């Protein structure tokens, strides 16, 4: 999803996970507020017509996935490990009674 982002756009996208203000992002990155807005518009263009809060949520979910993959050394089933030319399939769910699962 984020493979199409430039390095700076990826930095801005990762900061959206914590939803700081444009001023906070600009200060952290050493760029102007206007440049932050420019990068966010480029990100929205590349990732789809998302509203700002949806973009923040996508950034947060991406940060969780990245953190999990880093801590476990795993890749999600939808993303094969680098060098693999095949996709990883999920195991079949065992047959069982319908309804909510116990906690």
PDB file of N, CA and C in Angstrom:
ATOM      1  N   UNK A   1       0.821  -1.185   0.000  1.00  0.00           N
ATOM      2  CA  UNK A   1       0.000   0.000   0.000  1.00  0.00           C
ATOM      3  C   UNK A   1       0.869   1.255   0.000  1.00  0.00           C
ATOM      4  N   UNK A   2       1.908   1.258   0.821  1.00  0.00           N
ATOM      5  CA  UNK A   2       2.725   2.452   0.931  1.00  0.00           C
ATOM      6  C   UNK A   2       3.972   2.388   0.067  1.00  0.00           C
ATOM      7  N   UNK A   3       4.087   1.384  -0.767  1.00  0.00           N
ATOM      8  CA  UNK A   3       5.273   1.230  -1.617  1.00  0.00           C
ATOM      9  C   UNK A   3       5.427   2.378  -2.607  1.00  0.00           C
ATOM     10  N   UNK A   4       4.341   3.022  -2.954  1.00  0.00           N
ATOM     11  CA  UNK A   4       4.394   4.095  -3.949  1.00  0.00           C
ATOM     12  C   UNK A   4       4.776   5.443  -3.351  1.00  0.00           C
ATOM     13  N   UNK A   5       4.872   5.518  -2.028  1.00  0.00           N
ATOM     14  CA  UNK A   5       5.184   6.794  -1.381  1.00  0.00           C
ATOM     15  C   UNK A   5       6.684   7.064  -1.422  1.00  0.00           C
ATOM     16  N   UNK A   6       7.020   8.343  -1.584  1.00  0.00           N
ATOM     17  CA  UNK A   6       8.426   8.742  -1.497  1.00  0.00           C
ATOM     18  C   UNK A   6       8.874   8.615  -0.039  1.00  0.00           C
ATOM     19  N   UNK A   7      10.159   8.737   0.192  1.00  0.00           N
ATOM     20  CA  UNK A   7      10.668   8.641   1.569  1.00  0.00           C
ATOM     21  C   UNK A   7      10.036   9.703   2.469  1.00  0.00           C
ATOM     22  N   UNK A   8       9.941  10.925   2.000  1.00  0.00           N
ATOM     23  CA  UNK A   8       9.373  12.006   2.810  1.00  0.00           C
ATOM     24  C   UNK A   8       7.880  11.783   3.029  1.00  0.00           C
ATOM     25  N   UNK A   9       7.170  11.328   1.993  1.00  0.00           N
ATOM     26  CA  UNK A   9       5.740  11.038   2.145  1.00  0.00           C
ATOM     27  C   UNK A   9       5.538   9.924   3.160  1.00  0.00           C
ATOM     28  N   UNK A  10       6.411   8.922   3.152  1.00  0.00           N
ATOM     29  CA  UNK A  10       6.317   7.835   4.121  1.00  0.00           C
ATOM     30  C   UNK A  10       6.553   8.349   5.544  1.00  0.00           C
ATOM     31  N   UNK A  11       7.462   9.300   5.698  1.00  0.00           N
ATOM     32  CA  UNK A  11       7.695   9.900   7.015  1.00  0.00           C
ATOM     33  C   UNK A  11       6.453  10.649   7.497  1.00  0.00           C
ATOM     34  N   UNK A  12       5.866  11.435   6.612  1.00  0.00           N
ATOM     35  CA  UNK A  12       4.653  12.181   6.965  1.00  0.00           C
ATOM     36  C   UNK A  12       3.525  11.194   7.286  1.00  0.00           C
ATOM     37  N   UNK A  13       3.386  10.153   6.468  1.00  0.00           N
ATOM     38  CA  UNK A  13       2.342   9.148   6.686  1.00  0.00           C
ATOM     39  C   UNK A  13       2.509   8.485   8.047  1.00  0.00           C
ATOM     40  N   UNK A  14       3.744   8.162   8.431  1.00  0.00           N
ATOM     41  CA  UNK A  14       3.956   7.505   9.721  1.00  0.00           C
ATOM     42  C   UNK A  14       3.627   8.443  10.884  1.00  0.00           C
ATOM     43  N   UNK A  15       3.849   9.733  10.719  1.00  0.00           N
ATOM     44  CA  UNK A  15       3.507  10.686  11.778  1.00  0.00           C
ATOM     45  C   UNK A  15       1.997  10.837  11.946  1.00  0.00           C
ATOM     46  N   UNK A  16       1.242  10.584  10.885  1.00  0.00           N
ATOM     47  CA  UNK A  16      -0.214  10.693  10.969  1.00  0.00           C
ATOM     48  C   UNK A  16      -0.804   9.680  11.951  1.00  0.00           C
ATOM     49  N   UNK A  17      -0.074   8.600  12.232  1.00  0.00           N
ATOM     50  CA  UNK A  17      -0.570   7.571  13.157  1.00  0.00           C
ATOM     51  C   UNK A  17      -0.842   8.173  14.530  1.00  0.00           C
ATOM     52  N   UNK A  18      -0.091   9.187  14.887  1.00  0.00           N
ATOM     53  CA  UNK A  18      -0.252   9.813  16.192  1.00  0.00           C
ATOM     54  C   UNK A  18      -1.045  11.100  16.099  1.00  0.00           C
ATOM     55  N   UNK A  19      -1.478  11.445  14.891  1.00  0.00           N
ATOM     56  CA  UNK A  19      -2.320  12.598  14.605  1.00  0.00           C
ATOM     57  C   UNK A  19      -1.847  13.901  15.232  1.00  0.00           C
ATOM     58  N   UNK A  20      -0.550  14.198  15.119  1.00  0.00           N
ATOM     59  CA  UNK A  20      -0.136  15.519  15.595  1.00  0.00           C
ATOM     60  C   UNK A  20      -0.635  16.579  14.618  1.00  0.00           C
ATOM     61  N   UNK A  21      -0.516  17.807  15.011  1.00  0.00           N
ATOM     62  CA  UNK A  21      -0.937  18.887  14.123  1.00  0.00           C
ATOM     63  C   UNK A  21       0.061  19.031  12.978  1.00  0.00           C
ATOM     64  N   UNK A  22      -0.346  19.745  11.949  1.00  0.00           N
ATOM     65  CA  UNK A  22       0.559  20.025  10.837  1.00  0.00           C
ATOM     66  C   UNK A  22       1.809  20.740  11.356  1.00  0.00           C
ATOM     67  N   UNK A  23       1.615  21.649  12.323  1.00  0.00           N
ATOM     68  CA  UNK A  23       2.752  22.380  12.884  1.00  0.00           C
ATOM     69  C   UNK A  23       3.718  21.432  13.587  1.00  0.00           C
ATOM     70  N   UNK A  24       3.194  20.464  14.345  1.00  0.00           N
ATOM     71  CA  UNK A  24       4.042  19.489  15.024  1.00  0.00           C
ATOM     72  C   UNK A  24       4.824  18.656  14.015  1.00  0.00           C
ATOM     73  N   UNK A  25       4.137  18.196  12.963  1.00  0.00           N
ATOM     74  CA  UNK A  25       4.815  17.401  11.937  1.00  0.00           C
ATOM     75  C   UNK A  25       5.893  18.222  11.251  1.00  0.00           C
ATOM     76  N   UNK A  26       5.586  19.462  10.931  1.00  0.00           N
ATOM     77  CA  UNK A  26       6.547  20.337  10.260  1.00  0.00           C
ATOM     78  C   UNK A  26       7.782  20.528  11.136  1.00  0.00           C
ATOM     79  N   UNK A  27       7.566  20.735  12.428  1.00  0.00           N
ATOM     80  CA  UNK A  27       8.683  20.938  13.345  1.00  0.00           C
ATOM     81  C   UNK A  27       9.537  19.676  13.452  1.00  0.00           C
ATOM     82  N   UNK A  28       8.898  18.512  13.568  1.00  0.00           N
ATOM     83  CA  UNK A  28       9.634  17.254  13.681  1.00  0.00           C
ATOM     84  C   UNK A  28      10.457  16.964  12.431  1.00  0.00           C
ATOM     85  N   UNK A  29       9.921  17.310  11.268  1.00  0.00           N
ATOM     86  CA  UNK A  29      10.597  17.004  10.011  1.00  0.00           C
ATOM     87  C   UNK A  29      11.491  18.143   9.527  1.00  0.00           C
ATOM     88  N   UNK A  30      11.405  19.286  10.149  1.00  0.00           N
ATOM     89  CA  UNK A  30      12.214  20.425   9.739  1.00  0.00           C
ATOM     90  C   UNK A  30      11.779  21.008   8.402  1.00  0.00           C
ATOM     91  N   UNK A  31      10.457  20.991   8.170  1.00  0.00           N
ATOM     92  CA  UNK A  31       9.894  21.546   6.943  1.00  0.00           C
ATOM     93  C   UNK A  31       8.764  22.496   7.316  1.00  0.00           C
ATOM     94  N   UNK A  32       8.220  23.194   6.338  1.00  0.00           N
ATOM     95  CA  UNK A  32       7.136  24.133   6.626  1.00  0.00           C
ATOM     96  C   UNK A  32       5.787  23.404   6.723  1.00  0.00           C
ATOM     97  N   UNK A  33       4.836  24.080   7.359  1.00  0.00           N
ATOM     98  CA  UNK A  33       3.473  23.543   7.466  1.00  0.00           C
ATOM     99  C   UNK A  33       2.877  23.345   6.071  1.00  0.00           C
ATOM    100  N   UNK A  34       3.158  24.284   5.190  1.00  0.00           N
ATOM    101  CA  UNK A  34       2.652  24.192   3.817  1.00  0.00           C
ATOM    102  C   UNK A  34       3.199  22.948   3.110  1.00  0.00           C
ATOM    103  N   UNK A  35       4.458  22.615   3.349  1.00  0.00           N
ATOM    104  CA  UNK A  35       5.057  21.424   2.741  1.00  0.00           C
ATOM    105  C   UNK A  35       4.412  20.155   3.303  1.00  0.00           C
ATOM    106  N   UNK A  36       4.091  20.157   4.585  1.00  0.00           N
ATOM    107  CA  UNK A  36       3.378  19.015   5.181  1.00  0.00           C
ATOM    108  C   UNK A  36       2.044  18.829   4.478  1.00  0.00           C
ATOM    109  N   UNK A  37       1.301  19.918   4.290  1.00  0.00           N
ATOM    110  CA  UNK A  37       0.012  19.841   3.590  1.00  0.00           C
ATOM    111  C   UNK A  37       0.194  19.306   2.179  1.00  0.00           C
ATOM    112  N   UNK A  38       1.245  19.752   1.495  1.00  0.00           N
ATOM    113  CA  UNK A  38       1.538  19.274   0.141  1.00  0.00           C
ATOM    114  C   UNK A  38       1.761  17.758   0.149  1.00  0.00           C
ATOM    115  N   UNK A  39       2.566  17.264   1.095  1.00  0.00           N
ATOM    116  CA  UNK A  39       2.845  15.825   1.159  1.00  0.00           C
ATOM    117  C   UNK A  39       1.578  15.030   1.480  1.00  0.00           C
ATOM    118  N   UNK A  40       0.752  15.556   2.350  1.00  0.00           N
ATOM    119  CA  UNK A  40      -0.495  14.854   2.692  1.00  0.00           C
ATOM    120  C   UNK A  40      -1.406  14.767   1.472  1.00  0.00           C
ATOM    121  N   UNK A  41      -1.476  15.813   0.689  1.00  0.00           N
ATOM    122  CA  UNK A  41      -2.284  15.766  -0.535  1.00  0.00           C
ATOM    123  C   UNK A  41      -1.717  14.743  -1.523  1.00  0.00           C
ATOM    124  N   UNK A  42      -0.396  14.671  -1.642  1.00  0.00           N
ATOM    125  CA  UNK A  42       0.228  13.678  -2.527  1.00  0.00           C
ATOM    126  C   UNK A  42      -0.075  12.263  -2.031  1.00  0.00           C
ATOM    127  N   UNK A  43      -0.038  12.059  -0.719  1.00  0.00           N
ATOM    128  CA  UNK A  43      -0.349  10.749  -0.126  1.00  0.00           C
ATOM    129  C   UNK A  43      -1.792  10.378  -0.432  1.00  0.00           C
ATOM    130  N   UNK A  44      -2.708  11.333  -0.256  1.00  0.00           N
ATOM    131  CA  UNK A  44      -4.130  11.074  -0.536  1.00  0.00           C
ATOM    132  C   UNK A  44      -4.335  10.735  -2.002  1.00  0.00           C
ATOM    133  N   UNK A  45      -3.591  11.390  -2.875  1.00  0.00           N
ATOM    134  CA  UNK A  45      -3.689  11.113  -4.307  1.00  0.00           C
ATOM    135  C   UNK A  45      -3.214   9.688  -4.606  1.00  0.00           C
ATOM    136  N   UNK A  46      -2.146   9.258  -3.964  1.00  0.00           N
ATOM    137  CA  UNK A  46      -1.571   7.941  -4.224  1.00  0.00           C
ATOM    138  C   UNK A  46      -2.346   6.805  -3.558  1.00  0.00           C
ATOM    139  N   UNK A  47      -2.897   7.042  -2.364  1.00  0.00           N
ATOM    140  CA  UNK A  47      -3.577   5.975  -1.625  1.00  0.00           C
ATOM    141  C   UNK A  47      -5.079   5.935  -1.853  1.00  0.00           C
ATOM    142  N   UNK A  48      -5.611   6.929  -2.486  1.00  0.00           N
ATOM    143  CA  UNK A  48      -7.042   6.943  -2.751  1.00  0.00           C
ATOM    144  C   UNK A  48      -7.696   8.135  -2.090  1.00  0.00           C
ATOM    145  N   UNK A  49      -8.938   8.382  -2.460  1.00  0.00           N
ATOM    146  CA  UNK A  49      -9.632   9.566  -1.935  1.00  0.00           C
ATOM    147  C   UNK A  49     -10.073   9.369  -0.484  1.00  0.00           C
ATOM    148  N   UNK A  50      -9.112   9.401   0.431  1.00  0.00           N
ATOM    149  CA  UNK A  50      -9.414   9.214   1.845  1.00  0.00           C
ATOM    150  C   UNK A  50      -9.573  10.562   2.530  1.00  0.00           C
ATOM    151  N   UNK A  51     -10.473  10.615   3.479  1.00  0.00           N
ATOM    152  CA  UNK A  51     -10.591  11.810   4.301  1.00  0.00           C
ATOM    153  C   UNK A  51      -9.446  11.808   5.299  1.00  0.00           C
ATOM    154  N   UNK A  52      -9.171  12.932   5.901  1.00  0.00           N
ATOM    155  CA  UNK A  52      -8.015  13.057   6.789  1.00  0.00           C
ATOM    156  C   UNK A  52      -8.041  12.035   7.929  1.00  0.00           C
ATOM    157  N   UNK A  53      -9.199  11.877   8.576  1.00  0.00           N
ATOM    158  CA  UNK A  53      -9.269  10.934   9.697  1.00  0.00           C
ATOM    159  C   UNK A  53      -9.080   9.495   9.226  1.00  0.00           C
ATOM    160  N   UNK A  54      -9.509   9.180   7.998  1.00  0.00           N
ATOM    161  CA  UNK A  54      -9.286   7.842   7.456  1.00  0.00           C
ATOM    162  C   UNK A  54      -7.796   7.620   7.173  1.00  0.00           C
ATOM    163  N   UNK A  55      -7.133   8.653   6.710  1.00  0.00           N
ATOM    164  CA  UNK A  55      -5.700   8.588   6.458  1.00  0.00           C
ATOM    165  C   UNK A  55      -4.945   8.368   7.775  1.00  0.00           C
ATOM    166  N   UNK A  56      -5.374   9.033   8.838  1.00  0.00           N
ATOM    167  CA  UNK A  56      -4.761   8.845  10.156  1.00  0.00           C
ATOM    168  C   UNK A  56      -4.969   7.412  10.641  1.00  0.00           C
ATOM    169  N   UNK A  57      -6.178   6.881  10.452  1.00  0.00           N
ATOM    170  CA  UNK A  57      -6.457   5.503  10.859  1.00  0.00           C
ATOM    171  C   UNK A  57      -5.630   4.505  10.047  1.00  0.00           C
ATOM    172  N   UNK A  58      -5.500   4.742   8.754  1.00  0.00           N
ATOM    173  CA  UNK A  58      -4.693   3.861   7.905  1.00  0.00           C
ATOM    174  C   UNK A  58      -3.233   3.892   8.351  1.00  0.00           C
ATOM    175  N   UNK A  59      -2.743   5.053   8.714  1.00  0.00           N
ATOM    176  CA  UNK A  59      -1.373   5.193   9.197  1.00  0.00           C
ATOM    177  C   UNK A  59      -1.189   4.423  10.496  1.00  0.00           C
ATOM    178  N   UNK A  60      -2.148   4.524  11.390  1.00  0.00           N
ATOM    179  CA  UNK A  60      -2.079   3.809  12.670  1.00  0.00           C
ATOM    180  C   UNK A  60      -2.074   2.299  12.448  1.00  0.00           C
ATOM    181  N   UNK A  61      -2.978   1.813  11.605  1.00  0.00           N
ATOM    182  CA  UNK A  61      -3.029   0.374  11.321  1.00  0.00           C
ATOM    183  C   UNK A  61      -1.736  -0.096  10.651  1.00  0.00           C
ATOM    184  N   UNK A  62      -1.197   0.709   9.766  1.00  0.00           N
ATOM    185  CA  UNK A  62       0.063   0.368   9.105  1.00  0.00           C
ATOM    186  C   UNK A  62       1.185   0.287  10.131  1.00  0.00           C
ATOM    187  N   UNK A  63       1.203   1.199  11.097  1.00  0.00           N
ATOM    188  CA  UNK A  63       2.259   1.173  12.116  1.00  0.00           C
ATOM    189  C   UNK A  63       2.142  -0.066  12.995  1.00  0.00           C
ATOM    190  N   UNK A  64       0.911  -0.503  13.288  1.00  0.00           N
ATOM    191  CA  UNK A  64       0.731  -1.720  14.072  1.00  0.00           C
ATOM    192  C   UNK A  64       1.216  -2.946  13.303  1.00  0.00           C
ATOM    193  N   UNK A  65       0.873  -3.018  12.037  1.00  0.00           N
ATOM    194  CA  UNK A  65       1.290  -4.139  11.204  1.00  0.00           C
ATOM    195  C   UNK A  65       2.803  -4.186  11.079  1.00  0.00           C
ATOM    196  N   UNK A  66       3.402  -3.034  10.847  1.00  0.00           N
ATOM    197  CA  UNK A  66       4.852  -2.963  10.706  1.00  0.00           C
ATOM    198  C   UNK A  66       5.534  -3.359  12.008  1.00  0.00           C
ATOM    199  N   UNK A  67       5.013  -2.897  13.135  1.00  0.00           N
ATOM    200  CA  UNK A  67       5.595  -3.240  14.433  1.00  0.00           C
ATOM    201  C   UNK A  67       5.480  -4.740  14.688  1.00  0.00           C
ATOM    202  N   UNK A  68       4.346  -5.335  14.356  1.00  0.00           N
ATOM    203  CA  UNK A  68       4.150  -6.767  14.552  1.00  0.00           C
ATOM    204  C   UNK A  68       5.104  -7.567  13.683  1.00  0.00           C
ATOM    205  N   UNK A  69       5.225  -7.195  12.412  1.00  0.00           N
ATOM    206  CA  UNK A  69       6.126  -7.905  11.510  1.00  0.00           C
ATOM    207  C   UNK A  69       7.571  -7.784  11.973  1.00  0.00           C
ATOM    208  N   UNK A  70       7.947  -6.625  12.484  1.00  0.00           N
ATOM    209  CA  UNK A  70       9.308  -6.413  12.964  1.00  0.00           C
ATOM    210  C   UNK A  70       9.579  -7.251  14.205  1.00  0.00           C
ATOM    211  N   UNK A  71       8.629  -7.304  15.125  1.00  0.00           N
ATOM    212  CA  UNK A  71       8.845  -8.026  16.382  1.00  0.00           C
ATOM    213  C   UNK A  71       8.817  -9.538  16.201  1.00  0.00           C
ATOM    214  N   UNK A  72       8.051 -10.034  15.235  1.00  0.00           N
ATOM    215  CA  UNK A  72       7.948 -11.479  15.052  1.00  0.00           C
ATOM    216  C   UNK A  72       8.794 -11.990  13.900  1.00  0.00           C
ATOM    217  N   UNK A  73       9.277 -11.080  13.073  1.00  0.00           N
ATOM    218  CA  UNK A  73      10.018 -11.510  11.888  1.00  0.00           C
ATOM    219  C   UNK A  73       9.101 -12.128  10.850  1.00  0.00           C
ATOM    220  N   UNK A  74       7.800 -11.932  11.021  1.00  0.00           N
ATOM    221  CA  UNK A  74       6.803 -12.519  10.128  1.00  0.00           C
ATOM    222  C   UNK A  74       6.338 -11.515   9.095  1.00  0.00           C
ATOM    223  N   UNK A  75       5.639 -12.043   8.119  1.00  0.00           N
ATOM    224  CA  UNK A  75       4.967 -11.224   7.120  1.00  0.00           C
ATOM    225  C   UNK A  75       3.510 -11.621   7.141  1.00  0.00           C
ATOM    226  N   UNK A  76       2.646 -10.677   6.879  1.00  0.00           N
ATOM    227  CA  UNK A  76       1.222 -10.990   6.852  1.00  0.00           C
ATOM    228  C   UNK A  76       0.935 -11.937   5.696  1.00  0.00           C
ATOM    229  N   UNK A  77      -0.119 -12.752   5.773  1.00  0.00           N
ATOM    230  CA  UNK A  77      -0.425 -13.696   4.703  1.00  0.00           C
ATOM    231  C   UNK A  77      -0.606 -13.041   3.346  1.00  0.00           C
ATOM    232  N   UNK A  78      -1.045 -11.774   3.325  1.00  0.00           N
ATOM    233  CA  UNK A  78      -1.255 -11.106   2.053  1.00  0.00           C
ATOM    234  C   UNK A  78       0.058 -10.614   1.450  1.00  0.00           C
ATOM    235  N   UNK A  79       1.120 -10.539   2.254  1.00  0.00           N
ATOM    236  CA  UNK A  79       2.391 -10.013   1.790  1.00  0.00           C
ATOM    237  C   UNK A  79       3.441 -11.108   1.896  1.00  0.00           C
ATOM    238  N   UNK A  80       3.802 -11.751   0.791  1.00  0.00           N
ATOM    239  CA  UNK A  80       4.816 -12.789   0.872  1.00  0.00           C
ATOM    240  C   UNK A  80       6.167 -12.206   1.272  1.00  0.00           C
ATOM    241  N   UNK A  81       6.967 -13.029   1.921  1.00  0.00           N
ATOM    242  CA  UNK A  81       8.307 -12.594   2.302  1.00  0.00           C
ATOM    243  C   UNK A  81       9.095 -12.246   1.054  1.00  0.00           C
ATOM    244  N   UNK A  82      10.047 -11.329   1.186  1.00  0.00           N
ATOM    245  CA  UNK A  82      10.811 -10.920   0.012  1.00  0.00           C
ATOM    246  C   UNK A  82      11.525 -12.118  -0.578  1.00  0.00           C
ATOM    247  N   UNK A  83      11.506 -12.212  -1.889  1.00  0.00           N
ATOM    248  CA  UNK A  83      12.131 -13.330  -2.581  1.00  0.00           C
ATOM    249  C   UNK A  83      11.156 -14.458  -2.885  1.00  0.00           C
ATOM    250  N   UNK A  84      10.018 -14.496  -2.184  1.00  0.00           N
ATOM    251  CA  UNK A  84       9.030 -15.531  -2.467  1.00  0.00           C
ATOM    252  C   UNK A  84       8.232 -15.141  -3.689  1.00  0.00           C
ATOM    253  N   UNK A  85       8.027 -16.087  -4.573  1.00  0.00           N
ATOM    254  CA  UNK A  85       7.266 -15.779  -5.777  1.00  0.00           C
ATOM    255  C   UNK A  85       5.840 -16.291  -5.689  1.00  0.00           C
ATOM    256  N   UNK A  86       5.479 -16.853  -4.559  1.00  0.00           N
ATOM    257  CA  UNK A  86       4.120 -17.356  -4.400  1.00  0.00           C
ATOM    258  C   UNK A  86       3.471 -16.679  -3.206  1.00  0.00           C
ATOM    259  N   UNK A  87       2.171 -16.758  -3.153  1.00  0.00           N
ATOM    260  CA  UNK A  87       1.469 -16.175  -2.019  1.00  0.00           C
ATOM    261  C   UNK A  87       1.279 -17.232  -0.951  1.00  0.00           C
ATOM    262  N   UNK A  88       1.148 -16.781   0.258  1.00  0.00           N
ATOM    263  CA  UNK A  88       0.944 -17.682   1.381  1.00  0.00           C
ATOM    264  C   UNK A  88      -0.548 -17.793   1.602  1.00  0.00           C
ATOM    265  N   UNK A  89      -1.048 -19.017   1.641  1.00  0.00           N
ATOM    266  CA  UNK A  89      -2.484 -19.190   1.842  1.00  0.00           C
ATOM    267  C   UNK A  89      -2.766 -19.382   3.325  1.00  0.00           C
ATOM    268  N   UNK A  90      -3.933 -18.965   3.717  1.00  0.00           N
ATOM    269  CA  UNK A  90      -4.354 -19.130   5.101  1.00  0.00           C
ATOM    270  C   UNK A  90      -4.880 -20.542   5.305  1.00  0.00           C
ATOM    271  N   UNK A  91      -4.696 -21.092   6.507  1.00  0.00           N
ATOM    272  CA  UNK A  91      -5.244 -22.425   6.765  1.00  0.00           C
ATOM    273  C   UNK A  91      -6.768 -22.370   6.799  1.00  0.00           C
ATOM    274  N   UNK A  92      -7.378 -23.478   6.418  1.00  0.00           N
ATOM    275  CA  UNK A  92      -8.837 -23.541   6.410  1.00  0.00           C
ATOM    276  C   UNK A  92      -9.344 -23.496   7.847  1.00  0.00           C
ATOM    277  N   UNK A  93     -10.477 -22.848   8.044  1.00  0.00           N
ATOM    278  CA  UNK A  93     -11.081 -22.784   9.368  1.00  0.00           C
ATOM    279  C   UNK A  93     -11.760 -24.114   9.659  1.00  0.00           C
ATOM    280  N   UNK A  94     -11.593 -24.641  10.847  1.00  0.00           N
ATOM    281  CA  UNK A  94     -12.265 -25.904  11.180  1.00  0.00           C
ATOM    282  C   UNK A  94     -13.772 -25.706  11.248  1.00  0.00           C
ATOM    283  N   UNK A  95     -14.490 -26.744  10.857  1.00  0.00           N
ATOM    284  CA  UNK A  95     -15.947 -26.676  10.915  1.00  0.00           C
ATOM    285  C   UNK A  95     -16.375 -26.678  12.377  1.00  0.00           C
ATOM    286  N   UNK A  96     -17.355 -25.904  12.684  1.00  0.00           N
ATOM    287  CA  UNK A  96     -17.822 -25.834  14.056  1.00  0.00           C
ATOM    288  C   UNK A  96     -19.195 -25.192  14.098  1.00  0.00           C
ATOM    289  N   UNK A  97     -19.749 -25.118  15.282  1.00  0.00           N
ATOM    290  CA  UNK A  97     -21.079 -24.497  15.386  1.00  0.00           C
ATOM    291  C   UNK A  97     -21.008 -23.008  15.064  1.00  0.00           C
ATOM    292  N   UNK A  98     -22.074 -22.542  14.449  1.00  0.00           N
ATOM    293  CA  UNK A  98     -22.158 -21.121  14.121  1.00  0.00           C
ATOM    294  C   UNK A  98     -22.459 -20.344  15.392  1.00  0.00           C
ATOM    295  N   UNK A  99     -22.087 -19.117  15.392  1.00  0.00           N
ATOM    296  CA  UNK A  99     -22.378 -18.271  16.552  1.00  0.00           C
ATOM    297  C   UNK A  99     -21.105 -17.671  17.099  1.00  0.00           C
ATOM    298  N   UNK A 100     -21.247 -16.861  18.136  1.00  0.00           N
ATOM    299  CA  UNK A 100     -20.066 -16.198  18.688  1.00  0.00           C
ATOM    300  C   UNK A 100     -19.137 -17.185  19.358  1.00  0.00           C
ATOM    301  N   UNK A 101     -17.873 -16.869  19.297  1.00  0.00           N
ATOM    302  CA  UNK A 101     -16.866 -17.708  19.942  1.00  0.00           C
ATOM    303  C   UNK A 101     -16.748 -17.299  21.394  1.00  0.00           C
ATOM    304  N   UNK A 102     -16.500 -18.269  22.284  1.00  0.00           N
ATOM    305  CA  UNK A 102     -16.310 -17.894  23.696  1.00  0.00           C
ATOM    306  C   UNK A 102     -15.009 -17.139  23.871  1.00  0.00           C
ATOM    307  N   UNK A 103     -14.989 -16.227  24.835  1.00  0.00           N
ATOM    308  CA  UNK A 103     -13.781 -15.444  25.111  1.00  0.00           C
ATOM    309  C   UNK A 103     -12.791 -16.213  25.877  1.00  0.00           C
TER     310      UNK A 103
END
